[in-house]
Amino acid sequence: MPAVKMHRWNKEEGNAKMSESIFRLSQEHPKEKGLVHATYEQAQELARSIKHMDDITRPGHKLSERFIFHTAHDKASAYSRFRAAPPESGTILVGSGMYEGLDLPDELGRWQALAKVPWQSLEDPAIRHMAETDPAWYTWETLKLLIQACGRICRTPKDYGMTYILDGSFEKLYADGKKFGLIPDWWAEAIYEW
């Protein structure tokens, strides 16, 4: 469900569109717990946007009550609070760097949104060198994290959930993954455009 192609030169516009998409998804899943994978910068923008929405809505309907944010220092406690929330609460964890290691089976996570495709930073000279000399490696490193993220809410063969990939750069990643033969068939079968 591409909202915008996220780039460092369109952060302000991109983060605003991302926030709008996440608001819409929170309304589509009012009584289901969700997870938003976002950078710390995107999480801060989302928190600001939510505060603005709270300021203009009627009392007793605070959107912010559904969202749990964290810093680099309280990630574990935020995750614990999220897991403890009742499934019908519609609680949403905005997680930064939580592509791996989360276990949200069944009603603990029925939907998630990836605000940004987790491309490896080309600012790192070693990553840039590998991306230039071995583009398949660069594509696989990103796909690996993305596939791991998709598995946070589908933990068993009978579990189910919806993952929304909001970053329009997913189209390039998917095309490159197909070109290099890196897309697992089972994962490709689960993808459809919204």
Protein backbone atom coordinates (compact mmCIF):
# COMPACT_ATOMS: atom_id res chain seq x y z
CA MET A 1 0.00 0.00 0.00
CA PRO A 2 2.51 2.62 -1.12
CA ALA A 3 1.99 6.03 0.47
CA VAL A 4 5.22 7.69 -0.68
CA LYS A 5 8.75 6.75 -1.68
CA MET A 6 10.79 7.54 1.40
CA HIS A 7 14.07 9.35 0.68
CA ARG A 8 16.28 11.53 2.82
CA TRP A 9 15.45 14.52 0.63
CA ASN A 10 11.66 14.24 1.10
CA LYS A 11 11.55 13.38 4.82
CA GLU A 12 9.10 16.09 5.84
CA GLU A 13 6.55 15.34 3.12
CA GLY A 14 7.17 11.61 3.37
CA ASN A 15 6.70 11.49 7.14
CA ALA A 16 3.48 13.53 6.89
CA LYS A 17 2.03 11.13 4.28
CA MET A 18 3.21 8.18 6.35
CA SER A 19 1.40 9.54 9.42
CA GLU A 20 -1.81 9.96 7.40
CA SER A 21 -1.59 6.34 6.23
CA ILE A 22 -1.01 5.08 9.76
CA PHE A 23 -4.02 7.08 11.05
CA ARG A 24 -6.16 5.49 8.34
CA LEU A 25 -4.92 2.01 9.22
CA SER A 26 -5.58 2.60 12.93
CA GLN A 27 -9.19 3.44 12.00
CA GLU A 28 -9.50 0.32 9.83
CA HIS A 29 -8.32 -1.84 12.75
CA PRO A 30 -10.03 -0.23 15.77
CA LYS A 31 -10.17 -3.33 17.96
CA GLU A 32 -7.06 -5.15 16.77
CA LYS A 33 -3.56 -4.72 18.14
CA GLY A 34 -1.01 -3.49 15.62
CA LEU A 35 2.67 -2.78 15.17
CA VAL A 36 4.19 0.08 13.20
CA HIS A 37 7.82 -0.33 12.15
CA ALA A 38 9.25 3.18 11.87
CA THR A 39 12.55 4.95 12.26
CA TYR A 40 12.94 7.02 15.43
CA GLU A 41 12.51 10.16 13.31
CA GLN A 42 9.28 8.84 11.77
CA ALA A 43 8.03 7.83 15.23
CA GLN A 44 8.62 11.37 16.52
CA GLU A 45 6.68 12.82 13.58
CA LEU A 46 3.86 10.34 14.16
CA ALA A 47 3.73 11.28 17.86
CA ARG A 48 3.51 15.00 16.93
CA SER A 49 0.75 14.28 14.44
CA ILE A 50 -1.20 12.23 16.97
CA LYS A 51 -0.94 15.03 19.53
CA HIS A 52 -2.33 17.43 16.92
CA MET A 53 -5.20 15.01 16.17
CA ASP A 54 -5.94 14.75 19.90
CA ASP A 55 -6.06 18.54 20.16
CA ILE A 56 -8.77 18.79 17.48
CA THR A 57 -10.97 15.80 18.44
CA ARG A 58 -13.71 15.74 21.00
CA PRO A 59 -12.86 14.82 24.60
CA GLY A 60 -12.79 11.12 25.38
CA HIS A 61 -11.62 10.15 21.89
CA LYS A 62 -7.87 10.49 22.23
CA LEU A 63 -6.03 8.66 19.46
CA SER A 64 -2.84 8.86 21.52
CA GLU A 65 -4.29 6.42 24.07
CA ARG A 66 -3.93 3.61 21.52
CA PHE A 67 -0.25 4.24 20.70
CA ILE A 68 2.84 3.14 22.62
CA PHE A 69 6.14 4.79 21.66
CA HIS A 70 9.62 4.03 23.00
CA THR A 71 13.13 5.40 23.11
CA ALA A 72 16.36 3.46 22.72
CA HIS A 73 16.37 3.06 26.52
CA ASP A 74 12.85 1.76 27.23
CA LYS A 75 12.20 -0.51 24.26
CA ALA A 76 11.73 -3.66 26.39
CA SER A 77 9.25 -2.04 28.77
CA ALA A 78 7.23 -0.59 25.86
CA TYR A 79 7.08 -4.05 24.29
CA SER A 80 5.95 -5.55 27.63
CA ARG A 81 3.18 -2.93 27.99
CA PHE A 82 2.04 -3.66 24.44
CA ARG A 83 1.91 -7.43 25.02
CA ALA A 84 -0.04 -6.91 28.27
CA ALA A 85 -2.73 -4.77 26.61
CA PRO A 86 -5.97 -6.67 25.89
CA PRO A 87 -6.39 -7.71 22.24
CA GLU A 88 -9.61 -5.70 21.80
CA SER A 89 -7.87 -2.51 23.05
CA GLY A 90 -6.55 -1.77 19.57
CA THR A 91 -3.20 -0.82 21.08
CA ILE A 92 -0.51 0.05 18.53
CA LEU A 93 3.22 -0.26 19.25
CA VAL A 94 5.42 2.06 17.20
CA GLY A 95 8.67 0.11 17.13
CA SER A 96 12.02 1.33 15.89
CA GLY A 97 14.53 -1.37 15.04
CA MET A 98 12.12 -4.18 15.92
CA TYR A 99 12.31 -6.17 12.70
CA GLU A 100 13.49 -9.25 14.57
CA GLY A 101 12.91 -10.78 18.00
CA LEU A 102 9.24 -9.88 18.54
CA ASP A 103 6.75 -12.66 19.14
CA LEU A 104 3.17 -11.49 18.53
CA PRO A 105 1.09 -14.61 17.88
CA ASP A 106 -2.65 -14.64 17.31
CA GLU A 107 -4.51 -11.65 18.82
CA LEU A 108 -1.27 -10.07 20.09
CA GLY A 109 -0.78 -8.68 16.56
CA ARG A 110 -3.24 -8.82 13.70
CA TRP A 111 -1.78 -6.04 11.57
CA GLN A 112 1.42 -4.12 11.10
CA ALA A 113 2.74 -1.34 8.90
CA LEU A 114 6.28 -0.84 7.67
CA ALA A 115 6.80 2.89 7.27
CA LYS A 116 10.14 2.47 5.52
CA VAL A 117 11.83 -0.36 3.67
CA PRO A 118 14.90 -1.20 5.82
CA TRP A 119 17.56 -0.43 3.22
CA GLN A 120 21.11 -0.71 4.52
CA SER A 121 22.65 2.77 4.80
CA LEU A 122 24.76 3.74 1.81
CA GLU A 123 26.40 6.36 4.04
CA ASP A 124 28.53 3.49 5.37
CA PRO A 125 31.45 3.10 2.92
CA ALA A 126 31.56 -0.70 3.36
CA ILE A 127 27.83 -1.03 2.61
CA ARG A 128 28.15 1.31 -0.39
CA HIS A 129 31.08 -0.74 -1.72
CA MET A 130 29.13 -4.01 -1.36
CA ALA A 131 26.03 -2.48 -2.96
CA GLU A 132 28.07 -1.34 -5.95
CA THR A 133 30.07 -4.55 -6.38
CA ASP A 134 27.37 -7.04 -5.40
CA PRO A 135 23.86 -5.59 -5.84
CA ALA A 136 22.30 -9.00 -5.11
CA TRP A 137 23.92 -8.92 -1.64
CA TYR A 138 22.49 -5.46 -0.94
CA THR A 139 19.04 -6.55 -2.11
CA TRP A 140 19.16 -9.74 -0.03
CA GLU A 141 20.23 -7.91 3.16
CA THR A 142 17.20 -5.64 2.83
CA LEU A 143 14.80 -8.43 1.87
CA LYS A 144 15.97 -10.53 4.80
CA LEU A 145 15.02 -7.80 7.30
CA LEU A 146 11.72 -7.12 5.54
CA ILE A 147 10.74 -10.81 5.54
CA GLN A 148 11.74 -11.05 9.22
CA ALA A 149 9.50 -8.04 9.97
CA CYS A 150 6.56 -9.66 8.17
CA GLY A 151 6.91 -12.67 10.45
CA ARG A 152 6.40 -10.71 13.67
CA ILE A 153 2.61 -11.17 13.56
CA CYS A 154 2.30 -14.52 11.77
CA ARG A 155 3.95 -16.98 14.11
CA THR A 156 2.35 -20.35 13.34
CA PRO A 157 0.88 -22.05 10.28
CA LYS A 158 -2.65 -21.19 11.51
CA ASP A 159 -1.87 -17.61 12.55
CA TYR A 160 -2.78 -14.73 10.26
CA GLY A 161 -2.25 -10.99 9.95
CA MET A 162 -1.97 -8.16 7.48
CA THR A 163 1.31 -6.38 6.78
CA TYR A 164 1.13 -3.03 5.00
CA ILE A 165 4.31 -1.84 3.31
CA LEU A 166 3.86 1.91 2.99
CA ASP A 167 7.20 2.86 1.43
CA GLY A 168 6.89 3.04 -2.36
CA SER A 169 10.53 1.94 -2.71
CA PHE A 170 9.28 -1.59 -2.02
CA GLU A 171 8.50 -1.82 -5.76
CA LYS A 172 12.22 -1.46 -6.57
CA LEU A 173 13.21 -3.94 -3.86
CA TYR A 174 10.69 -6.48 -5.11
CA ALA A 175 11.76 -6.04 -8.76
CA ASP A 176 15.44 -6.41 -7.83
CA GLY A 177 14.63 -9.42 -5.66
CA LYS A 178 12.85 -11.09 -8.59
CA LYS A 179 15.70 -10.22 -10.94
CA PHE A 180 18.26 -11.86 -8.64
CA GLY A 181 16.00 -14.82 -7.82
CA LEU A 182 15.85 -13.91 -4.12
CA ILE A 183 12.10 -13.76 -3.49
CA PRO A 184 10.86 -16.93 -1.77
CA ASP A 185 7.81 -18.35 -3.58
CA TRP A 186 5.78 -18.64 -0.35
CA TRP A 187 6.37 -14.95 0.37
CA ALA A 188 5.59 -13.82 -3.19
CA GLU A 189 2.26 -15.71 -3.06
CA ALA A 190 1.23 -13.71 0.02
CA ILE A 191 1.82 -10.28 -1.56
CA TYR A 192 -0.91 -8.26 -3.21
CA GLU A 193 -1.22 -4.61 -4.05
CA TRP A 194 -3.74 -2.64 -2.07
